[in-house]
PDB file of N, CA and C in Angstrom:
ATOM      1  N   MET A   1      12.258  75.690 109.880  1.00  0.00           N
ATOM      2  CA  MET A   1      12.121  74.885 110.992  1.00  0.00           C
ATOM      3  C   MET A   1      11.756  73.486 110.786  1.00  0.00           C
ATOM      4  N   THR A   2      10.502  72.859 111.370  1.00  0.00           N
ATOM      5  CA  THR A   2       9.886  71.501 111.657  1.00  0.00           C
ATOM      6  C   THR A   2       8.644  72.081 111.845  1.00  0.00           C
ATOM      7  N   PHE A   3       7.581  71.071 111.333  1.00  0.00           N
ATOM      8  CA  PHE A   3       6.127  71.036 112.141  1.00  0.00           C
ATOM      9  C   PHE A   3       5.699  70.110 111.501  1.00  0.00           C
ATOM     10  N   ARG A   4       5.035  69.617 112.325  1.00  0.00           N
ATOM     11  CA  ARG A   4       4.497  67.894 112.643  1.00  0.00           C
ATOM     12  C   ARG A   4       2.577  67.732 112.813  1.00  0.00           C
ATOM     13  N   VAL A   5       2.613  67.016 111.253  1.00  0.00           N
ATOM     14  CA  VAL A   5       0.136  67.333 111.312  1.00  0.00           C
ATOM     15  C   VAL A   5       0.652  66.079 111.731  1.00  0.00           C
ATOM     16  N   ARG A   6      -0.634  66.360 112.277  1.00  0.00           N
ATOM     17  CA  ARG A   6      -1.888  64.762 112.192  1.00  0.00           C
ATOM     18  C   ARG A   6      -2.906  64.865 110.213  1.00  0.00           C
ATOM     19  N   TRP A   7      -2.626  63.538 109.932  1.00  0.00           N
ATOM     20  CA  TRP A   7      -3.808  63.374 108.491  1.00  0.00           C
ATOM     21  C   TRP A   7      -5.061  63.180 109.390  1.00  0.00           C
ATOM     22  N   PRO A   8      -5.979  62.767 108.529  1.00  0.00           N
ATOM     23  CA  PRO A   8      -7.516  62.290 108.984  1.00  0.00           C
ATOM     24  C   PRO A   8      -7.676  61.329 109.097  1.00  0.00           C
ATOM     25  N   ASP A   9      -6.675  60.375 108.580  1.00  0.00           N
ATOM     26  CA  ASP A   9      -6.841  58.657 109.105  1.00  0.00           C
ATOM     27  C   ASP A   9      -5.615  58.793 110.200  1.00  0.00           C
ATOM     28  N   GLY A  10      -5.145  59.604 110.454  1.00  0.00           N
ATOM     29  CA  GLY A  10      -4.305  59.930 112.293  1.00  0.00           C
ATOM     30  C   GLY A  10      -2.940  59.391 111.992  1.00  0.00           C
ATOM     31  N   THR A  11      -2.316  59.454 110.450  1.00  0.00           N
ATOM     32  CA  THR A  11      -0.728  59.747 110.321  1.00  0.00           C
ATOM     33  C   THR A  11       0.125  60.612 110.699  1.00  0.00           C
ATOM     34  N   GLU A  12       1.431  60.798 110.944  1.00  0.00           N
ATOM     35  CA  GLU A  12       1.668  61.923 111.967  1.00  0.00           C
ATOM     36  C   GLU A  12       3.082  62.144 110.582  1.00  0.00           C
ATOM     37  N   THR A  13       3.313  62.938 110.212  1.00  0.00           N
ATOM     38  CA  THR A  13       3.947  63.855 109.183  1.00  0.00           C
ATOM     39  C   THR A  13       5.056  64.780 109.817  1.00  0.00           C
ATOM     40  N   SER A  14       6.325  64.524 109.649  1.00  0.00           N
ATOM     41  CA  SER A  14       7.240  65.859 110.395  1.00  0.00           C
ATOM     42  C   SER A  14       7.418  67.042 108.998  1.00  0.00           C
ATOM     43  N   CYS A  15       7.425  67.765 108.819  1.00  0.00           N
ATOM     44  CA  CYS A  15       7.787  68.799 107.580  1.00  0.00           C
ATOM     45  C   CYS A  15       8.959  70.178 107.738  1.00  0.00           C
ATOM     46  N   TYR A  16       9.526  69.708 106.607  1.00  0.00           N
ATOM     47  CA  TYR A  16      10.628  70.796 106.881  1.00  0.00           C
ATOM     48  C   TYR A  16      10.355  71.972 105.916  1.00  0.00           C
ATOM     49  N   SER A  17      10.928  73.525 106.653  1.00  0.00           N
ATOM     50  CA  SER A  17      10.339  75.029 106.404  1.00  0.00           C
ATOM     51  C   SER A  17      12.080  75.589 106.519  1.00  0.00           C
ATOM     52  N   PRO A  18      12.115  75.956 105.231  1.00  0.00           N
ATOM     53  CA  PRO A  18      13.720  76.780 105.880  1.00  0.00           C
ATOM     54  C   PRO A  18      13.435  78.302 106.391  1.00  0.00           C
ATOM     55  N   SER A  19      12.196  78.448 106.603  1.00  0.00           N
ATOM     56  CA  SER A  19      11.373  79.859 107.259  1.00  0.00           C
ATOM     57  C   SER A  19      10.564  79.294 108.381  1.00  0.00           C
ATOM     58  N   LEU A  20      10.843  80.895 108.895  1.00  0.00           N
ATOM     59  CA  LEU A  20       9.883  80.647 110.522  1.00  0.00           C
ATOM     60  C   LEU A  20       8.437  80.940 109.647  1.00  0.00           C
ATOM     61  N   VAL A  21       7.881  81.248 108.532  1.00  0.00           N
ATOM     62  CA  VAL A  21       6.776  82.088 108.402  1.00  0.00           C
ATOM     63  C   VAL A  21       5.843  81.088 108.030  1.00  0.00           C
ATOM     64  N   VAL A  22       6.184  80.130 108.559  1.00  0.00           N
ATOM     65  CA  VAL A  22       4.732  78.745 108.523  1.00  0.00           C
ATOM     66  C   VAL A  22       4.007  79.226 109.937  1.00  0.00           C
ATOM     67  N   HIS A  23       4.811  79.802 110.714  1.00  0.00           N
ATOM     68  CA  HIS A  23       4.530  80.609 112.127  1.00  0.00           C
ATOM     69  C   HIS A  23       3.454  81.357 111.778  1.00  0.00           C
ATOM     70  N   ASP A  24       3.426  81.974 110.821  1.00  0.00           N
ATOM     71  CA  ASP A  24       2.206  83.458 110.279  1.00  0.00           C
ATOM     72  C   ASP A  24       0.781  82.123 109.329  1.00  0.00           C
ATOM     73  N   HIS A  25       0.870  81.461 109.132  1.00  0.00           N
ATOM     74  CA  HIS A  25      -0.184  80.621 108.445  1.00  0.00           C
ATOM     75  C   HIS A  25      -1.005  79.758 109.005  1.00  0.00           C
ATOM     76  N   LEU A  26       0.143  78.872 109.891  1.00  0.00           N
ATOM     77  CA  LEU A  26      -0.558  77.688 110.734  1.00  0.00           C
ATOM     78  C   LEU A  26      -0.232  77.305 112.130  1.00  0.00           C
ATOM     79  N   VAL A  27      -1.349  77.531 113.522  1.00  0.00           N
ATOM     80  CA  VAL A  27      -1.053  77.893 114.676  1.00  0.00           C
ATOM     81  C   VAL A  27      -0.807  76.060 114.962  1.00  0.00           C
ATOM     82  N   THR A  28      -0.114  75.701 116.154  1.00  0.00           N
ATOM     83  CA  THR A  28      -0.069  74.563 116.837  1.00  0.00           C
ATOM     84  C   THR A  28      -0.805  74.241 117.343  1.00  0.00           C
ATOM     85  N   GLY A  29      -1.907  73.394 117.593  1.00  0.00           N
ATOM     86  CA  GLY A  29      -2.876  72.346 118.014  1.00  0.00           C
ATOM     87  C   GLY A  29      -4.044  73.006 116.995  1.00  0.00           C
ATOM     88  N   ALA A  30      -3.698  73.857 116.144  1.00  0.00           N
ATOM     89  CA  ALA A  30      -5.107  74.328 115.196  1.00  0.00           C
ATOM     90  C   ALA A  30      -5.718  72.269 114.290  1.00  0.00           C
ATOM     91  N   GLU A  31      -7.184  72.879 113.631  1.00  0.00           N
ATOM     92  CA  GLU A  31      -7.431  71.733 111.985  1.00  0.00           C
ATOM     93  C   GLU A  31      -7.658  72.183 111.815  1.00  0.00           C
ATOM     94  N   TYR A  32      -7.501  72.393 110.438  1.00  0.00           N
ATOM     95  CA  TYR A  32      -8.034  72.800 109.884  1.00  0.00           C
ATOM     96  C   TYR A  32      -8.244  72.253 108.541  1.00  0.00           C
ATOM     97  N   PRO A  33      -9.566  72.260 107.935  1.00  0.00           N
ATOM     98  CA  PRO A  33     -10.119  71.287 107.003  1.00  0.00           C
ATOM     99  C   PRO A  33      -8.898  71.183 105.967  1.00  0.00           C
ATOM    100  N   LEU A  34      -9.154  69.622 105.426  1.00  0.00           N
ATOM    101  CA  LEU A  34      -8.465  69.742 104.760  1.00  0.00           C
ATOM    102  C   LEU A  34      -7.091  70.146 103.157  1.00  0.00           C
ATOM    103  N   ALA A  35      -8.266  70.826 102.663  1.00  0.00           N
ATOM    104  CA  ALA A  35      -7.952  72.049 101.550  1.00  0.00           C
ATOM    105  C   ALA A  35      -7.920  73.510 101.710  1.00  0.00           C
ATOM    106  N   GLU A  36      -7.868  73.665 103.066  1.00  0.00           N
ATOM    107  CA  GLU A  36      -7.486  75.090 104.141  1.00  0.00           C
ATOM    108  C   GLU A  36      -5.945  74.640 104.241  1.00  0.00           C
ATOM    109  N   PHE A  37      -5.675  73.092 105.054  1.00  0.00           N
ATOM    110  CA  PHE A  37      -4.357  72.840 105.196  1.00  0.00           C
ATOM    111  C   PHE A  37      -3.733  73.481 104.247  1.00  0.00           C
ATOM    112  N   VAL A  38      -3.258  72.677 103.390  1.00  0.00           N
ATOM    113  CA  VAL A  38      -2.894  72.686 101.874  1.00  0.00           C
ATOM    114  C   VAL A  38      -2.801  73.984 101.176  1.00  0.00           C
ATOM    115  N   GLU A  39      -3.650  74.737 101.535  1.00  0.00           N
ATOM    116  CA  GLU A  39      -3.232  76.162 101.287  1.00  0.00           C
ATOM    117  C   GLU A  39      -2.602  77.003 101.428  1.00  0.00           C
ATOM    118  N   ARG A  40      -3.023  76.529 103.050  1.00  0.00           N
ATOM    119  CA  ARG A  40      -2.186  77.472 104.108  1.00  0.00           C
ATOM    120  C   ARG A  40      -0.654  76.775 103.890  1.00  0.00           C
ATOM    121  N   SER A  41      -0.596  75.737 103.985  1.00  0.00           N
ATOM    122  CA  SER A  41       1.461  75.326 104.370  1.00  0.00           C
ATOM    123  C   SER A  41       1.712  75.782 102.947  1.00  0.00           C
ATOM    124  N   THR A  42       1.491  75.274 101.321  1.00  0.00           N
ATOM    125  CA  THR A  42       1.950  75.491 100.124  1.00  0.00           C
ATOM    126  C   THR A  42       2.002  77.431 100.388  1.00  0.00           C
ATOM    127  N   THR A  43       1.231  77.766 100.797  1.00  0.00           N
ATOM    128  CA  THR A  43       1.296  79.394 100.777  1.00  0.00           C
ATOM    129  C   THR A  43       2.673  79.340 101.450  1.00  0.00           C
ATOM    130  N   ALA A  44       2.425  79.128 102.577  1.00  0.00           N
ATOM    131  CA  ALA A  44       3.536  78.749 104.012  1.00  0.00           C
ATOM    132  C   ALA A  44       5.269  79.135 102.992  1.00  0.00           C
ATOM    133  N   LEU A  45       4.910  78.036 102.120  1.00  0.00           N
ATOM    134  CA  LEU A  45       6.648  77.027 101.759  1.00  0.00           C
ATOM    135  C   LEU A  45       6.448  78.569 100.178  1.00  0.00           C
ATOM    136  N   ARG A  46       5.944  78.027  99.731  1.00  0.00           N
ATOM    137  CA  ARG A  46       6.156  79.230  98.871  1.00  0.00           C
ATOM    138  C   ARG A  46       6.618  80.415  98.796  1.00  0.00           C
ATOM    139  N   LEU A  47       6.404  81.152 100.252  1.00  0.00           N
ATOM    140  CA  LEU A  47       7.140  82.239 100.907  1.00  0.00           C
ATOM    141  C   LEU A  47       8.284  82.248 101.060  1.00  0.00           C
ATOM    142  N   ALA A  48       7.967  80.786 101.898  1.00  0.00           N
ATOM    143  CA  ALA A  48      10.002  80.445 102.750  1.00  0.00           C
ATOM    144  C   ALA A  48      10.835  80.166 101.787  1.00  0.00           C
ATOM    145  N   GLY A  49      10.450  79.358 100.530  1.00  0.00           N
ATOM    146  CA  GLY A  49      11.691  79.193  99.412  1.00  0.00           C
ATOM    147  C   GLY A  49      11.916  80.630  98.999  1.00  0.00           C
ATOM    148  N   GLU A  50      10.734  81.594  98.326  1.00  0.00           N
ATOM    149  CA  GLU A  50      10.801  83.172  97.907  1.00  0.00           C
ATOM    150  C   GLU A  50      12.192  83.673  98.910  1.00  0.00           C
ATOM    151  N   ARG A  51      11.985  83.759 100.090  1.00  0.00           N
ATOM    152  CA  ARG A  51      12.774  83.760 100.995  1.00  0.00           C
ATOM    153  C   ARG A  51      14.505  83.386 100.741  1.00  0.00           C
ATOM    154  N   VAL A  52      14.421  82.738 100.327  1.00  0.00           N
ATOM    155  CA  VAL A  52      15.885  81.611 100.335  1.00  0.00           C
ATOM    156  C   VAL A  52      16.435  82.196  99.361  1.00  0.00           C
ATOM    157  N   ALA A  53      15.762  82.007  97.709  1.00  0.00           N
ATOM    158  CA  ALA A  53      16.190  82.898  96.998  1.00  0.00           C
ATOM    159  C   ALA A  53      16.936  84.179  96.884  1.00  0.00           C
ATOM    160  N   ALA A  54      15.455  85.037  97.843  1.00  0.00           N
ATOM    161  CA  ALA A  54      16.518  86.355  97.488  1.00  0.00           C
ATOM    162  C   ALA A  54      17.603  86.170  98.231  1.00  0.00           C
ATOM    163  N   ALA A  55      17.894  86.272  99.779  1.00  0.00           N
ATOM    164  CA  ALA A  55      19.209  85.734 100.419  1.00  0.00           C
ATOM    165  C   ALA A  55      20.171  85.130  99.256  1.00  0.00           C
ATOM    166  N   TYR A  56      19.859  84.022  98.811  1.00  0.00           N
ATOM    167  CA  TYR A  56      20.999  83.310  98.437  1.00  0.00           C
ATOM    168  C   TYR A  56      21.428  83.170  96.878  1.00  0.00           C
ATOM    169  N   GLY A  57      19.959  83.442  96.463  1.00  0.00           N
ATOM    170  CA  GLY A  57      20.171  83.635  94.723  1.00  0.00           C
ATOM    171  C   GLY A  57      20.143  82.427  93.907  1.00  0.00           C
ATOM    172  N   PHE A  58      19.087  81.451  94.558  1.00  0.00           N
ATOM    173  CA  PHE A  58      18.863  80.398  93.964  1.00  0.00           C
ATOM    174  C   PHE A  58      17.776  79.637  95.035  1.00  0.00           C
ATOM    175  N   ALA A  59      16.648  78.649  94.086  1.00  0.00           N
ATOM    176  CA  ALA A  59      15.274  78.393  95.182  1.00  0.00           C
ATOM    177  C   ALA A  59      16.478  77.415  95.787  1.00  0.00           C
ATOM    178  N   CYS A  60      14.856  77.355  96.840  1.00  0.00           N
ATOM    179  CA  CYS A  60      14.962  76.590  98.514  1.00  0.00           C
ATOM    180  C   CYS A  60      14.250  75.132  98.166  1.00  0.00           C
ATOM    181  N   THR A  61      15.191  73.557  97.088  1.00  0.00           N
ATOM    182  CA  THR A  61      14.425  72.682  96.527  1.00  0.00           C
ATOM    183  C   THR A  61      13.527  71.645  97.625  1.00  0.00           C
ATOM    184  N   SER A  62      14.556  72.405  99.062  1.00  0.00           N
ATOM    185  CA  SER A  62      13.498  71.669  99.906  1.00  0.00           C
ATOM    186  C   SER A  62      12.017  71.819 100.279  1.00  0.00           C
ATOM    187  N   ALA A  63      11.852  73.610 100.532  1.00  0.00           N
ATOM    188  CA  ALA A  63      10.604  73.671 100.406  1.00  0.00           C
ATOM    189  C   ALA A  63       9.998  73.266  99.064  1.00  0.00           C
ATOM    190  N   LEU A  64      10.255  73.615  97.920  1.00  0.00           N
ATOM    191  CA  LEU A  64       9.455  72.935  96.512  1.00  0.00           C
ATOM    192  C   LEU A  64       9.518  71.512  97.079  1.00  0.00           C
ATOM    193  N   GLN A  65      10.256  70.501  97.124  1.00  0.00           N
ATOM    194  CA  GLN A  65       9.536  69.129  97.773  1.00  0.00           C
ATOM    195  C   GLN A  65       8.957  68.837  99.296  1.00  0.00           C
ATOM    196  N   GLN A  66       8.977  69.689 100.160  1.00  0.00           N
ATOM    197  CA  GLN A  66       8.036  69.635 101.005  1.00  0.00           C
ATOM    198  C   GLN A  66       6.731  69.933 100.938  1.00  0.00           C
ATOM    199  N   GLU A  67       6.132  71.013  99.751  1.00  0.00           N
ATOM    200  CA  GLU A  67       5.148  71.332  98.942  1.00  0.00           C
ATOM    201  C   GLU A  67       5.259  70.495  98.225  1.00  0.00           C
ATOM    202  N   ALA A  68       5.361  69.480  97.834  1.00  0.00           N
ATOM    203  CA  ALA A  68       5.202  68.527  96.471  1.00  0.00           C
ATOM    204  C   ALA A  68       4.302  67.375  97.717  1.00  0.00           C
ATOM    205  N   ASP A  69       5.409  67.545  98.584  1.00  0.00           N
ATOM    206  CA  ASP A  69       4.922  65.603 100.097  1.00  0.00           C
ATOM    207  C   ASP A  69       3.345  66.270 100.121  1.00  0.00           C
ATOM    208  N   ILE A  70       3.126  67.407 100.426  1.00  0.00           N
ATOM    209  CA  ILE A  70       1.559  67.958 101.590  1.00  0.00           C
ATOM    210  C   ILE A  70       0.406  67.682 100.017  1.00  0.00           C
ATOM    211  N   VAL A  71       1.284  68.103  98.983  1.00  0.00           N
ATOM    212  CA  VAL A  71      -0.145  67.840  97.873  1.00  0.00           C
ATOM    213  C   VAL A  71      -0.286  66.768  98.028  1.00  0.00           C
ATOM    214  N   ALA A  72       0.688  65.491  97.871  1.00  0.00           N
ATOM    215  CA  ALA A  72       0.658  63.615  97.545  1.00  0.00           C
ATOM    216  C   ALA A  72       0.209  63.383  98.426  1.00  0.00           C
ATOM    217  N   ALA A  73       0.615  64.043 100.111  1.00  0.00           N
ATOM    218  CA  ALA A  73      -0.125  63.130 100.981  1.00  0.00           C
ATOM    219  C   ALA A  73      -2.072  63.603 100.938  1.00  0.00           C
ATOM    220  N   ALA A  74      -1.942  64.965 100.414  1.00  0.00           N
ATOM    221  CA  ALA A  74      -3.706  65.483 100.923  1.00  0.00           C
ATOM    222  C   ALA A  74      -4.193  64.602  99.695  1.00  0.00           C
ATOM    223  N   ALA A  75      -4.026  64.119  98.579  1.00  0.00           N
ATOM    224  CA  ALA A  75      -4.019  63.325  97.703  1.00  0.00           C
ATOM    225  C   ALA A  75      -5.021  62.036  97.792  1.00  0.00           C
ATOM    226  N   ARG A  76      -4.400  61.308  99.236  1.00  0.00           N
ATOM    227  CA  ARG A  76      -5.057  60.256  99.962  1.00  0.00           C
ATOM    228  C   ARG A  76      -6.219  60.533 100.391  1.00  0.00           C
ATOM    229  N   HIS A  77      -5.848  61.599 100.746  1.00  0.00           N
ATOM    230  CA  HIS A  77      -7.562  61.394 101.834  1.00  0.00           C
ATOM    231  C   HIS A  77      -8.795  62.310 101.298  1.00  0.00           C
ATOM    232  N   ALA A  78     -10.016  62.011 101.240  1.00  0.00           N
ATOM    233  CA  ALA A  78     -11.228  62.518 101.119  1.00  0.00           C
ATOM    234  C   ALA A  78     -11.549  63.661 101.382  1.00  0.00           C
ATOM    235  N   GLY A  79     -11.013  63.769 102.684  1.00  0.00           N
ATOM    236  CA  GLY A  79     -11.333  64.478 103.577  1.00  0.00           C
ATOM    237  C   GLY A  79     -11.253  64.759 104.417  1.00  0.00           C
ATOM    238  N   GLY A  80     -11.735  66.070 105.620  1.00  0.00           N
ATOM    239  CA  GLY A  80     -11.369  65.420 106.336  1.00  0.00           C
ATOM    240  C   GLY A  80     -10.393  66.876 107.076  1.00  0.00           C
ATOM    241  N   ALA A  81      -9.685  66.843 108.670  1.00  0.00           N
ATOM    242  CA  ALA A  81      -9.267  67.937 109.122  1.00  0.00           C
ATOM    243  C   ALA A  81      -7.661  67.604 109.479  1.00  0.00           C
ATOM    244  N   VAL A  82      -6.571  67.834 109.395  1.00  0.00           N
ATOM    245  CA  VAL A  82      -5.538  68.053 109.419  1.00  0.00           C
ATOM    246  C   VAL A  82      -4.921  68.762 110.959  1.00  0.00           C
ATOM    247  N   ARG A  83      -4.732  67.753 111.788  1.00  0.00           N
ATOM    248  CA  ARG A  83      -4.112  68.734 112.875  1.00  0.00           C
ATOM    249  C   ARG A  83      -2.466  69.597 112.523  1.00  0.00           C
ATOM    250  N   VAL A  84      -2.554  70.336 113.473  1.00  0.00           N
ATOM    251  CA  VAL A  84      -0.984  70.875 113.417  1.00  0.00           C
ATOM    252  C   VAL A  84      -0.554  70.863 114.636  1.00  0.00           C
ATOM    253  N   VAL A  85       0.163  69.816 115.090  1.00  0.00           N
ATOM    254  CA  VAL A  85       0.373  69.114 116.478  1.00  0.00           C
ATOM    255  C   VAL A  85       1.696  70.208 116.883  1.00  0.00           C
ATOM    256  N   GLU A  86       2.558  69.856 116.692  1.00  0.00           N
ATOM    257  CA  GLU A  86       3.812  70.960 116.907  1.00  0.00           C
ATOM    258  C   GLU A  86       4.476  71.585 115.540  1.00  0.00           C
ATOM    259  N   MET A  87       5.264  72.996 116.097  1.00  0.00           N
ATOM    260  CA  MET A  87       5.777  73.451 115.079  1.00  0.00           C
ATOM    261  C   MET A  87       7.586  74.062 116.680  1.00  0.00           C
ATOM    262  N   HIS A  88       8.176  73.487 115.411  1.00  0.00           N
ATOM    263  CA  HIS A  88      10.150  73.636 116.163  1.00  0.00           C
ATOM    264  C   HIS A  88      10.729  74.230 114.847  1.00  0.00           C
ATOM    265  N   PRO A  89      11.129  75.615 115.992  1.00  0.00           N
ATOM    266  CA  PRO A  89      11.031  75.810 117.156  1.00  0.00           C
ATOM    267  C   PRO A  89       9.644  76.509 117.530  1.00  0.00           C
ATOM    268  N   PRO A  90       9.138  76.592 118.434  1.00  0.00           N
ATOM    269  CA  PRO A  90       7.830  77.834 118.791  1.00  0.00           C
ATOM    270  C   PRO A  90       8.626  79.386 118.173  1.00  0.00           C
ATOM    271  N   LEU A  91       7.952  79.580 118.542  1.00  0.00           N
ATOM    272  CA  LEU A  91       8.131  81.447 118.162  1.00  0.00           C
ATOM    273  C   LEU A  91       8.012  81.383 119.499  1.00  0.00           C
ATOM    274  N   PRO A  92       9.133  83.378 120.079  1.00  0.00           N
ATOM    275  CA  PRO A  92       9.339  83.436 121.216  1.00  0.00           C
ATOM    276  C   PRO A  92       8.833  83.826 121.628  1.00  0.00           C
ATOM    277  N   VAL A  93       8.114  84.015 123.001  1.00  0.00           N
ATOM    278  CA  VAL A  93       7.118  84.641 123.733  1.00  0.00           C
ATOM    279  C   VAL A  93       7.465  86.145 124.342  1.00  0.00           C
ATOM    280  N   PRO A  94       6.839  87.022 123.750  1.00  0.00           N
ATOM    281  CA  PRO A  94       6.945  88.359 124.361  1.00  0.00           C
ATOM    282  C   PRO A  94       6.874  88.722 125.479  1.00  0.00           C
ATOM    283  N   ALA A  95       8.566  89.054 125.836  1.00  0.00           N
ATOM    284  CA  ALA A  95       8.594  89.926 127.585  1.00  0.00           C
ATOM    285  C   ALA A  95       7.618  91.070 127.725  1.00  0.00           C
ATOM    286  N   THR A  96       6.318  90.994 128.700  1.00  0.00           N
ATOM    287  CA  THR A  96       5.152  91.885 128.663  1.00  0.00           C
ATOM    288  C   THR A  96       5.714  92.873 129.550  1.00  0.00           C
ATOM    289  N   ALA A  97       6.900  92.999 130.277  1.00  0.00           N
ATOM    290  CA  ALA A  97       7.365  94.074 131.315  1.00  0.00           C
ATOM    291  C   ALA A  97       8.990  93.910 131.130  1.00  0.00           C
ATOM    292  N   ALA A  98       9.947  95.484 131.169  1.00  0.00           N
ATOM    293  CA  ALA A  98      10.695  95.145 131.527  1.00  0.00           C
ATOM    294  C   ALA A  98      11.383  95.308 133.243  1.00  0.00           C
ATOM    295  N   ALA A  99      11.892  94.618 133.583  1.00  0.00           N
ATOM    296  CA  ALA A  99      12.247  93.912 135.160  1.00  0.00           C
ATOM    297  C   ALA A  99      13.120  95.293 135.549  1.00  0.00           C
ATOM    298  N   PRO A 100      13.342  95.943 136.710  1.00  0.00           N
ATOM    299  CA  PRO A 100      13.949  97.458 136.903  1.00  0.00           C
ATOM    300  C   PRO A 100      15.209  96.805 137.083  1.00  0.00           C
ATOM    301  N   PRO A 101      16.268  97.165 137.316  1.00  0.00           N
ATOM    302  CA  PRO A 101      18.242  96.259 137.707  1.00  0.00           C
ATOM    303  C   PRO A 101      18.332  95.799 138.824  1.00  0.00           C
ATOM    304  N   ALA A 102      18.672  95.336 138.735  1.00  0.00           N
ATOM    305  CA  ALA A 102      19.166  94.121 139.850  1.00  0.00           C
ATOM    306  C   ALA A 102      19.927  94.949 141.283  1.00  0.00           C
ATOM    307  N   SER A 103      20.533  95.584 139.914  1.00  0.00           N
ATOM    308  CA  SER A 103      21.913  96.705 141.231  1.00  0.00           C
ATOM    309  C   SER A 103      20.969  97.581 141.834  1.00  0.00           C
ATOM    310  N   SER A 104      19.398  97.968 141.437  1.00  0.00           N
ATOM    311  CA  SER A 104      19.260  99.635 141.847  1.00  0.00           C
ATOM    312  C   SER A 104      19.464  99.952 143.286  1.00  0.00           C
ATOM    313  N   SER A 105      20.423 100.973 143.824  1.00  0.00           N
ATOM    314  CA  SER A 105      20.313 101.114 145.203  1.00  0.00           C
ATOM    315  C   SER A 105      19.113 101.895 145.916  1.00  0.00           C
ATOM    316  N   VAL A 106      18.903 102.601 144.919  1.00  0.00           N
ATOM    317  CA  VAL A 106      17.852 103.804 145.275  1.00  0.00           C
ATOM    318  C   VAL A 106      16.450 103.076 145.398  1.00  0.00           C
ATOM    319  N   GLN A 107      15.369 102.942 146.477  1.00  0.00           N
ATOM    320  CA  GLN A 107      14.409 102.165 146.522  1.00  0.00           C
ATOM    321  C   GLN A 107      13.226 103.245 147.151  1.00  0.00           C
ATOM    322  N   ALA A 108      12.518 103.685 146.369  1.00  0.00           N
ATOM    323  CA  ALA A 108      11.093 104.938 146.806  1.00  0.00           C
ATOM    324  C   ALA A 108      10.205 104.054 148.197  1.00  0.00           C
ATOM    325  N   SER A 109       9.927 105.205 148.838  1.00  0.00           N
ATOM    326  CA  SER A 109       8.908 104.768 149.296  1.00  0.00           C
ATOM    327  C   SER A 109       7.938 105.521 149.998  1.00  0.00           C
ATOM    328  N   VAL A 110       6.930 105.220 149.818  1.00  0.00           N
ATOM    329  CA  VAL A 110       5.532 106.124 149.609  1.00  0.00           C
ATOM    330  C   VAL A 110       4.804 105.518 150.814  1.00  0.00           C
ATOM    331  N   VAL A 111       4.640 107.343 151.572  1.00  0.00           N
ATOM    332  CA  VAL A 111       3.832 106.908 152.603  1.00  0.00           C
ATOM    333  C   VAL A 111       1.954 107.769 152.697  1.00  0.00           C
ATOM    334  N   PRO A 112       1.656 107.590 152.574  1.00  0.00           N
ATOM    335  CA  PRO A 112      -0.127 107.964 152.404  1.00  0.00           C
ATOM    336  C   PRO A 112      -0.618 109.427 153.113  1.00  0.00           C
ATOM    337  N   ALA A 113      -0.146 110.155 152.190  1.00  0.00           N
ATOM    338  CA  ALA A 113      -0.769 111.524 153.207  1.00  0.00           C
ATOM    339  C   ALA A 113      -1.256 111.790 154.102  1.00  0.00           C
ATOM    340  N   ALA A 114      -2.074 110.346 154.432  1.00  0.00           N
ATOM    341  CA  ALA A 114      -3.620 110.547 155.226  1.00  0.00           C
ATOM    342  C   ALA A 114      -2.507 110.952 156.486  1.00  0.00           C
ATOM    343  N   SER A 115      -1.345 109.773 156.893  1.00  0.00           N
ATOM    344  CA  SER A 115      -0.714 109.034 158.000  1.00  0.00           C
ATOM    345  C   SER A 115       0.675 109.803 157.743  1.00  0.00           C
ATOM    346  N   VAL A 116       0.763 110.668 157.122  1.00  0.00           N
ATOM    347  CA  VAL A 116       1.621 111.955 157.817  1.00  0.00           C
ATOM    348  C   VAL A 116       0.947 112.871 158.118  1.00  0.00           C
ATOM    349  N   SER A 117      -0.034 113.515 157.466  1.00  0.00           N
ATOM    350  CA  SER A 117      -0.724 114.685 158.302  1.00  0.00           C
ATOM    351  C   SER A 117      -0.884 114.275 159.309  1.00  0.00           C
ATOM    352  N   ALA A 118      -1.560 113.585 160.529  1.00  0.00           N
ATOM    353  CA  ALA A 118      -2.382 113.152 161.415  1.00  0.00           C
ATOM    354  C   ALA A 118      -1.305 112.886 162.355  1.00  0.00           C
ATOM    355  N   ALA A 119       0.053 111.749 161.950  1.00  0.00           N
ATOM    356  CA  ALA A 119       1.157 111.902 163.014  1.00  0.00           C
ATOM    357  C   ALA A 119       1.985 113.608 162.895  1.00  0.00           C
ATOM    358  N   SER A 120       1.828 113.737 162.313  1.00  0.00           N
ATOM    359  CA  SER A 120       2.545 115.001 162.273  1.00  0.00           C
ATOM    360  C   SER A 120       2.192 116.491 162.423  1.00  0.00           C
ATOM    361  N   GLY A 121       0.309 115.993 163.149  1.00  0.00           N
ATOM    362  CA  GLY A 121      -0.075 118.293 162.888  1.00  0.00           C
ATOM    363  C   GLY A 121      -0.708 117.978 164.470  1.00  0.00           C
ATOM    364  N   PRO A 122      -1.311 118.551 164.928  1.00  0.00           N
ATOM    365  CA  PRO A 122      -1.783 119.070 166.691  1.00  0.00           C
ATOM    366  C   PRO A 122      -2.396 117.901 166.756  1.00  0.00           C
ATOM    367  N   GLY A 123      -1.621 118.134 168.439  1.00  0.00           N
ATOM    368  CA  GLY A 123      -2.510 116.779 169.202  1.00  0.00           C
ATOM    369  C   GLY A 123      -1.869 115.158 168.934  1.00  0.00           C
ATOM    370  N   ALA A 124      -0.414 115.535 168.050  1.00  0.00           N
ATOM    371  CA  ALA A 124       0.392 114.018 167.824  1.00  0.00           C
ATOM    372  C   ALA A 124       0.542 113.012 168.781  1.00  0.00           C
ATOM    373  N   ALA A 125       0.597 112.307 169.386  1.00  0.00           N
ATOM    374  CA  ALA A 125       1.357 111.530 170.554  1.00  0.00           C
ATOM    375  C   ALA A 125       2.388 111.840 170.232  1.00  0.00           C
ATOM    376  N   SER A 126       3.078 111.816 171.034  1.00  0.00           N
ATOM    377  CA  SER A 126       4.461 111.901 170.974  1.00  0.00           C
ATOM    378  C   SER A 126       5.194 110.067 171.954  1.00  0.00           C
TER     379      SER A 126
END
């Protein structure tokens, strides 16, 4: 995945992670104090690297390099905030409710009880 950040001086950097775990540590549109951003992003990249190592048996040099690049970029700033501009791919939005099957031939009809008894009771108009 990639995530784009805007540094305190306004410059933007596109960053790479081999895992979507970054979504657990950063939020698109959020601003983090510089030190907190470094902590969150390096933690995410270390976890991403561990996932690669567990799956493939070797370290992910891309995650290690991205971590080093973030630390170096942060060192060029005296403070301020880092904004997470974009993360791609975004996390999927969970479905809120399942739709009924499109081919359903049975439809329920609900008639209020008061309507039924009034229409069929004594004195009903014909």
